[in-house]
Amino acid sequence: MPTIKDVARQAGVSTMTVSRVINNSGYISPATRERVERAIAELDYLPNALARSLRFKQTRTLALVLSDITNPFFTTVARGVEDAARAQGFSVLLCNTDETDAVEREYLSILLQKQVDGVLLVPAREDSTAAALLQSRGVPTVILDRRLRGAKVDSVRGDSEQGAYEVVRHLIGLGHRRIAVLIGPLSVSTAADRVAGYRRALREAGIPVDEALIVEDSFSAEGGYRATLRVLRDEPRPTAIFAGSNFIAFGAFRALREARLRVPEAISLVAFDDLPEGWLMAPFLTAVNQPAYEIGQRATALLLDRLAGRGAPTPQEVILPTELIIRRSSAPPCAS
């Protein structure tokens, strides 16, 4: 782990000069500042790295790094994390990356400087290097909601593949054969898992997969809107849409309403992730429900066990079951 002395040696300056550059205090010539900043970048040095040796002085602070705090699934996860952490005397710092690698990296750098005791992370992509960075700094980490390729850390998530399989099988049972799936970036493991469940359900039913009916966009209402407009141009039109998230379903519903296609009379609409109780006066959407609050609680428990030295000798992978909730938005395809 590089130290401030290593930076000073590489830049050919004193440690005091490095400190002034980091804290932006005192006069430093532009050439010297550039030399120090280049050395910091080359060594991947983080301020306060020396204090890592004093980790027995815990800050009693955890960090929760989410991909989209506006999504009610993640707000419920956050509540589970906060309740579990507060019960053990820990506070939680909340960060939102908007599914962006650069923002994720920026937050992790800040969190490392603040010396949080542990991090709960929803990675922006399946090949994110975030967990490796945290491990290299000795920060206990738990991955939430998603898989992270090659990460040797604890993880907690819902069973996306099985949940998608069950909801698509429900549509097939109603008589649907042309089922579109609208999904976020396939570089995110939940997207890939939900498409895998969709494919498995079709394959078991002997229904050929039409690749044109798998539409990749973003995990957002706008992404769902755009993806729905695309599949509505297909002939014959799909008789059902599986939205890969609740926000995608919002956008899909808007596009269907604009096209004057009633749900479920003209087309069925189902989604992954239910809405919290109380959001809607009359729940309508058939959805796969994940135990969001439990995901947050279980992940925090694993992290606190690691901090207390009670963790299992090998990383734990916890996959929680989902629940299919059937409502009025899914029905047999119309005769026309």
Protein backbone atom coordinates (compact mmCIF):
# COMPACT_ATOMS: atom_id res chain seq x y z
CA MET A 1 0.00 0.00 0.00
CA PRO A 2 1.65 3.30 -1.10
CA THR A 3 2.36 5.94 1.54
CA ILE A 4 2.81 9.70 1.40
CA LYS A 5 6.56 9.10 1.59
CA ASP A 6 6.36 6.96 -1.58
CA VAL A 7 4.55 9.79 -3.37
CA ALA A 8 7.15 12.34 -2.19
CA ARG A 9 10.02 10.10 -3.32
CA GLN A 10 8.49 9.53 -6.77
CA ALA A 11 7.73 13.22 -7.26
CA GLY A 12 11.10 14.33 -5.89
CA VAL A 13 9.59 16.58 -3.22
CA SER A 14 9.12 16.63 0.54
CA THR A 15 6.18 14.99 2.32
CA MET A 16 5.13 18.49 3.40
CA THR A 17 4.80 19.49 -0.25
CA VAL A 18 2.68 16.43 -0.97
CA SER A 19 0.48 17.30 2.00
CA ARG A 20 0.03 20.86 0.72
CA VAL A 21 -1.01 19.60 -2.71
CA ILE A 22 -3.52 17.17 -1.19
CA ASN A 23 -4.99 19.79 1.16
CA ASN A 24 -4.66 22.65 -1.36
CA SER A 25 -2.87 24.78 1.25
CA GLY A 26 0.09 27.10 0.75
CA TYR A 27 1.73 28.09 -2.53
CA ILE A 28 2.86 25.26 -4.84
CA SER A 29 4.20 26.01 -8.31
CA PRO A 30 2.10 24.58 -11.18
CA ALA A 31 4.99 22.34 -12.31
CA THR A 32 5.46 20.89 -8.79
CA ARG A 33 1.71 20.38 -8.34
CA GLU A 34 1.52 18.53 -11.66
CA ARG A 35 4.47 16.30 -10.67
CA VAL A 36 2.87 15.41 -7.30
CA GLU A 37 -0.55 14.75 -8.81
CA ARG A 38 1.02 12.52 -11.45
CA ALA A 39 2.82 10.52 -8.74
CA ILE A 40 -0.45 10.17 -6.75
CA ALA A 41 -2.21 8.83 -9.84
CA GLU A 42 0.61 6.46 -10.81
CA LEU A 43 0.84 4.99 -7.30
CA ASP A 44 -2.96 4.96 -6.82
CA TYR A 45 -2.32 6.68 -3.49
CA LEU A 46 -5.27 7.62 -1.30
CA PRO A 47 -4.98 10.19 1.52
CA ASN A 48 -5.29 8.69 4.98
CA ALA A 49 -3.95 5.35 3.75
CA LEU A 50 -1.49 5.31 6.66
CA ALA A 51 -4.41 5.27 9.06
CA ARG A 52 -5.44 1.87 7.73
CA SER A 53 -2.99 0.40 10.23
CA LEU A 54 -5.21 1.78 12.99
CA ARG A 55 -8.39 -0.01 11.92
CA PHE A 56 -9.03 -1.20 15.44
CA LYS A 57 -10.33 2.35 15.99
CA GLN A 58 -13.56 1.82 14.10
CA THR A 59 -15.56 4.75 12.79
CA ARG A 60 -18.77 2.78 13.41
CA THR A 61 -19.80 3.81 9.89
CA LEU A 62 -20.87 1.67 6.94
CA ALA A 63 -21.36 2.82 3.35
CA LEU A 64 -24.22 1.73 1.12
CA VAL A 65 -23.49 2.31 -2.58
CA LEU A 66 -26.66 1.95 -4.66
CA SER A 67 -27.18 2.12 -8.41
CA ASP A 68 -30.49 4.06 -8.36
CA ILE A 69 -31.90 5.39 -5.08
CA THR A 70 -35.11 6.54 -6.82
CA ASN A 71 -36.11 2.92 -7.42
CA PRO A 72 -38.44 1.77 -4.60
CA PHE A 73 -36.71 -1.62 -4.56
CA PHE A 74 -33.44 0.01 -3.55
CA THR A 75 -35.06 2.39 -1.06
CA THR A 76 -36.50 -0.67 0.70
CA VAL A 77 -33.10 -2.37 0.61
CA ALA A 78 -31.61 0.79 2.14
CA ARG A 79 -34.16 0.72 4.96
CA GLY A 80 -33.21 -2.88 5.75
CA VAL A 81 -29.53 -1.91 5.82
CA GLU A 82 -30.11 1.11 8.03
CA ASP A 83 -32.30 -0.73 10.54
CA ALA A 84 -29.81 -3.58 10.89
CA ALA A 85 -26.84 -1.21 11.19
CA ARG A 86 -28.47 1.10 13.75
CA ALA A 87 -29.43 -1.88 15.90
CA GLN A 88 -25.70 -2.56 16.27
CA GLY A 89 -24.66 1.06 16.81
CA PHE A 90 -23.51 1.78 13.24
CA SER A 91 -24.50 4.67 11.01
CA VAL A 92 -24.83 4.41 7.21
CA LEU A 93 -23.53 6.71 4.47
CA LEU A 94 -25.65 6.50 1.32
CA CYS A 95 -24.20 6.93 -2.17
CA ASN A 96 -26.02 6.78 -5.52
CA THR A 97 -24.06 5.94 -8.71
CA ASP A 98 -26.81 6.19 -11.35
CA GLU A 99 -25.48 2.93 -12.83
CA THR A 100 -22.24 4.73 -13.79
CA ASP A 101 -18.73 3.29 -13.42
CA ALA A 102 -17.03 6.67 -13.10
CA VAL A 103 -19.35 7.80 -10.31
CA GLU A 104 -18.92 4.45 -8.56
CA ARG A 105 -15.13 4.81 -8.63
CA GLU A 106 -15.34 8.41 -7.40
CA TYR A 107 -17.51 7.44 -4.44
CA LEU A 108 -15.27 4.54 -3.49
CA SER A 109 -12.25 6.85 -3.44
CA ILE A 110 -14.10 9.24 -1.11
CA LEU A 111 -15.28 6.41 1.14
CA LEU A 112 -11.76 5.03 1.43
CA GLN A 113 -10.53 8.44 2.54
CA LYS A 114 -13.32 8.64 5.10
CA GLN A 115 -12.23 5.25 6.45
CA VAL A 116 -15.65 3.63 6.60
CA ASP A 117 -15.56 0.27 8.36
CA GLY A 118 -17.30 -1.64 5.57
CA VAL A 119 -19.12 -1.22 2.26
CA LEU A 120 -22.36 -2.66 0.92
CA LEU A 121 -22.24 -2.32 -2.86
CA VAL A 122 -24.64 -2.68 -5.79
CA PRO A 123 -22.06 -2.74 -8.63
CA ALA A 124 -22.73 -0.77 -11.80
CA ARG A 125 -21.58 -3.70 -13.98
CA GLU A 126 -20.83 -7.38 -13.60
CA ASP A 127 -17.13 -6.77 -14.38
CA SER A 128 -16.76 -3.81 -12.01
CA THR A 129 -13.39 -3.63 -10.24
CA ALA A 130 -14.94 -2.01 -7.17
CA ALA A 131 -14.74 -5.05 -4.90
CA ALA A 132 -11.10 -5.68 -5.83
CA LEU A 133 -10.24 -2.05 -4.99
CA LEU A 134 -11.95 -2.29 -1.61
CA GLN A 135 -10.28 -5.63 -0.82
CA SER A 136 -6.88 -4.22 -1.72
CA ARG A 137 -7.46 -1.56 0.95
CA GLY A 138 -8.62 -4.13 3.51
CA VAL A 139 -12.24 -2.91 3.60
CA PRO A 140 -14.82 -5.67 4.26
CA THR A 141 -17.37 -5.68 1.42
CA VAL A 142 -20.73 -7.30 0.66
CA ILE A 143 -22.27 -7.25 -2.83
CA LEU A 144 -26.01 -6.60 -2.98
CA ASP A 145 -28.62 -7.58 -5.59
CA ARG A 146 -26.11 -8.50 -8.31
CA ARG A 147 -23.33 -10.90 -9.13
CA LEU A 148 -19.81 -9.55 -9.53
CA ARG A 149 -17.49 -11.58 -11.71
CA GLY A 150 -14.41 -12.86 -9.90
CA ALA A 151 -15.23 -11.13 -6.59
CA LYS A 152 -14.24 -13.13 -3.51
CA VAL A 153 -16.63 -11.40 -1.11
CA ASP A 154 -19.99 -12.13 0.51
CA SER A 155 -23.10 -11.44 -1.57
CA VAL A 156 -26.88 -11.34 -1.09
CA ARG A 157 -29.45 -11.17 -3.88
CA GLY A 158 -32.87 -12.33 -5.01
CA ASP A 159 -33.23 -15.23 -7.46
CA SER A 160 -33.65 -13.22 -10.66
CA GLU A 161 -33.49 -16.16 -13.06
CA GLN A 162 -36.09 -18.24 -11.23
CA GLY A 163 -38.40 -15.25 -10.74
CA ALA A 164 -38.28 -14.41 -14.45
CA TYR A 165 -38.85 -18.06 -15.34
CA GLU A 166 -41.97 -18.23 -13.17
CA VAL A 167 -43.59 -15.05 -14.49
CA VAL A 168 -42.95 -15.99 -18.13
CA ARG A 169 -44.27 -19.49 -17.45
CA HIS A 170 -47.40 -17.80 -16.04
CA LEU A 171 -47.85 -15.92 -19.34
CA ILE A 172 -47.34 -19.11 -21.33
CA GLY A 173 -49.95 -20.83 -19.17
CA LEU A 174 -52.42 -18.08 -20.14
CA GLY A 175 -51.83 -18.91 -23.81
CA HIS A 176 -49.23 -16.31 -24.82
CA ARG A 177 -46.63 -17.33 -27.42
CA ARG A 178 -45.21 -13.96 -28.54
CA ILE A 179 -43.78 -12.52 -25.33
CA ALA A 180 -41.42 -9.55 -25.41
CA VAL A 181 -38.88 -8.93 -22.66
CA LEU A 182 -37.69 -5.38 -22.01
CA ILE A 183 -34.49 -5.31 -20.01
CA GLY A 184 -31.66 -3.11 -18.77
CA PRO A 185 -28.01 -3.47 -19.89
CA LEU A 186 -27.01 -7.13 -20.17
CA SER A 187 -23.65 -6.19 -18.62
CA VAL A 188 -25.63 -6.08 -15.33
CA SER A 189 -26.05 -9.59 -13.91
CA THR A 190 -29.71 -9.12 -12.94
CA ALA A 191 -30.54 -8.28 -16.56
CA ALA A 192 -28.65 -11.31 -17.85
CA ASP A 193 -30.29 -13.58 -15.24
CA ARG A 194 -33.80 -12.39 -16.06
CA VAL A 195 -33.28 -12.95 -19.78
CA ALA A 196 -31.91 -16.42 -18.96
CA GLY A 197 -35.11 -17.20 -17.01
CA TYR A 198 -37.21 -15.92 -19.93
CA ARG A 199 -35.31 -18.15 -22.38
CA ARG A 200 -35.64 -21.19 -20.12
CA ALA A 201 -39.41 -20.81 -19.83
CA LEU A 202 -39.82 -20.52 -23.60
CA ARG A 203 -37.46 -23.41 -24.27
CA GLU A 204 -39.29 -25.74 -21.88
CA ALA A 205 -42.60 -24.83 -23.54
CA GLY A 206 -41.18 -25.56 -27.01
CA ILE A 207 -41.53 -21.91 -28.09
CA PRO A 208 -38.73 -20.61 -30.34
CA VAL A 209 -36.97 -17.51 -28.99
CA ASP A 210 -37.41 -14.50 -31.29
CA GLU A 211 -34.32 -12.36 -30.62
CA ALA A 212 -36.18 -9.28 -31.86
CA LEU A 213 -38.45 -9.59 -28.82
CA ILE A 214 -35.50 -9.20 -26.41
CA VAL A 215 -34.98 -5.44 -26.18
CA GLU A 216 -32.07 -4.04 -24.17
CA ASP A 217 -32.21 -0.43 -22.98
CA SER A 218 -31.92 1.00 -19.45
CA PHE A 219 -33.49 0.14 -16.08
CA SER A 220 -35.63 3.28 -16.25
CA ALA A 221 -39.10 4.47 -17.22
CA GLU A 222 -37.65 6.16 -20.30
CA GLY A 223 -35.87 2.93 -21.24
CA GLY A 224 -39.13 1.02 -20.87
CA TYR A 225 -40.95 3.58 -23.00
CA ARG A 226 -38.39 3.39 -25.82
CA ALA A 227 -38.23 -0.40 -25.72
CA THR A 228 -42.03 -0.71 -25.88
CA LEU A 229 -42.24 1.54 -28.94
CA ARG A 230 -39.71 -0.76 -30.61
CA VAL A 231 -41.60 -4.00 -29.96
CA LEU A 232 -44.94 -2.45 -30.96
CA ARG A 233 -43.54 -1.98 -34.47
CA ASP A 234 -43.12 -5.75 -34.82
CA GLU A 235 -45.57 -7.78 -36.89
CA PRO A 236 -47.24 -9.73 -35.51
CA ARG A 237 -47.28 -7.63 -32.37
CA PRO A 238 -46.40 -9.40 -29.07
CA THR A 239 -49.41 -10.35 -26.98
CA ALA A 240 -47.52 -9.88 -23.69
CA ILE A 241 -44.64 -7.80 -22.35
CA PHE A 242 -42.34 -8.82 -19.49
CA ALA A 243 -40.75 -5.66 -18.07
CA GLY A 244 -37.41 -6.41 -16.40
CA SER A 245 -38.02 -3.88 -13.60
CA ASN A 246 -40.84 -1.84 -12.09
CA PHE A 247 -39.49 1.36 -13.68
CA ILE A 248 -39.35 -0.31 -17.10
CA ALA A 249 -42.98 -1.30 -16.52
CA PHE A 250 -43.89 2.37 -15.84
CA GLY A 251 -42.44 3.37 -19.20
CA ALA A 252 -44.07 0.43 -20.97
CA PHE A 253 -47.47 1.32 -19.56
CA ARG A 254 -47.10 4.91 -20.77
CA ALA A 255 -46.22 3.76 -24.31
CA LEU A 256 -49.14 1.32 -24.38
CA ARG A 257 -51.54 4.00 -23.19
CA GLU A 258 -50.34 6.38 -25.91
CA ALA A 259 -50.84 3.60 -28.47
CA ARG A 260 -54.37 3.10 -27.07
CA LEU A 261 -53.64 -0.51 -26.16
CA ARG A 262 -55.50 -1.46 -23.02
CA VAL A 263 -53.85 -3.69 -20.42
CA PRO A 264 -54.63 -6.58 -20.28
CA GLU A 265 -57.43 -6.54 -22.92
CA ALA A 266 -55.09 -5.80 -25.86
CA ILE A 267 -51.76 -6.81 -24.33
CA SER A 268 -50.64 -8.25 -21.00
CA LEU A 269 -47.95 -6.52 -18.94
CA VAL A 270 -45.94 -8.12 -16.11
CA ALA A 271 -42.85 -6.92 -14.27
CA PHE A 272 -39.92 -7.83 -12.08
CA ASP A 273 -40.03 -6.05 -8.68
CA ASP A 274 -43.31 -5.13 -7.06
CA LEU A 275 -44.17 -1.68 -5.76
CA PRO A 276 -44.23 -1.01 -2.02
CA GLU A 277 -47.59 -1.35 -0.30
CA GLY A 278 -49.38 1.98 -0.26
CA TRP A 279 -47.94 3.33 -3.52
CA LEU A 280 -51.12 2.43 -5.42
CA MET A 281 -54.72 2.59 -4.26
CA ALA A 282 -55.62 -0.53 -6.27
CA PRO A 283 -52.63 -2.83 -7.06
CA PHE A 284 -52.88 -3.85 -10.71
CA LEU A 285 -49.55 -5.16 -11.96
CA THR A 286 -48.63 -8.85 -12.00
CA ALA A 287 -45.11 -8.83 -10.61
CA VAL A 288 -42.19 -10.84 -9.25
CA ASN A 289 -41.59 -9.61 -5.72
CA GLN A 290 -38.12 -9.72 -4.17
CA PRO A 291 -37.58 -9.59 -0.38
CA ALA A 292 -35.85 -6.20 -0.61
CA TYR A 293 -35.88 -5.42 3.10
CA GLU A 294 -34.50 -8.87 3.95
CA ILE A 295 -31.77 -8.48 1.33
CA GLY A 296 -30.62 -5.32 3.10
CA GLN A 297 -30.82 -6.92 6.55
CA ARG A 298 -29.00 -10.12 5.56
CA ALA A 299 -26.24 -8.25 3.77
CA THR A 300 -25.66 -5.97 6.75
CA ALA A 301 -25.56 -8.95 9.12
CA LEU A 302 -22.87 -10.59 6.96
CA LEU A 303 -20.84 -7.38 6.91
CA LEU A 304 -21.07 -6.84 10.67
CA ASP A 305 -20.03 -10.46 11.24
CA ARG A 306 -16.92 -9.83 9.14
CA LEU A 307 -16.12 -6.70 11.14
CA ALA A 308 -16.51 -8.64 14.39
CA GLY A 309 -14.29 -11.47 13.15
CA ARG A 310 -17.19 -13.93 13.07
CA GLY A 311 -17.42 -14.35 9.29
CA ALA A 312 -17.28 -17.75 7.59
CA PRO A 313 -13.85 -18.84 6.30
CA THR A 314 -15.05 -18.58 2.69
CA PRO A 315 -17.27 -15.93 1.01
CA GLN A 316 -21.00 -16.56 1.47
CA GLU A 317 -23.47 -16.36 -1.43
CA VAL A 318 -27.04 -15.89 -0.22
CA ILE A 319 -29.79 -16.20 -2.87
CA LEU A 320 -33.26 -15.44 -1.55
CA PRO A 321 -36.44 -16.75 -3.20
CA THR A 322 -38.84 -14.46 -5.05
CA GLU A 323 -42.65 -14.48 -5.04
CA LEU A 324 -44.95 -14.26 -8.08
CA ILE A 325 -47.94 -12.01 -7.36
CA ILE A 326 -50.68 -12.43 -9.97
CA ARG A 327 -52.96 -9.43 -10.53
CA ARG A 328 -55.18 -7.97 -13.25
CA SER A 329 -52.49 -6.89 -15.73
CA SER A 330 -52.06 -10.41 -17.13
CA ALA A 331 -54.80 -12.28 -18.98
CA PRO A 332 -55.19 -14.66 -21.93
CA PRO A 333 -54.33 -13.09 -25.31
CA CYS A 334 -57.23 -11.47 -27.15
CA ALA A 335 -58.62 -13.39 -30.13
CA SER A 336 -57.68 -10.64 -32.58
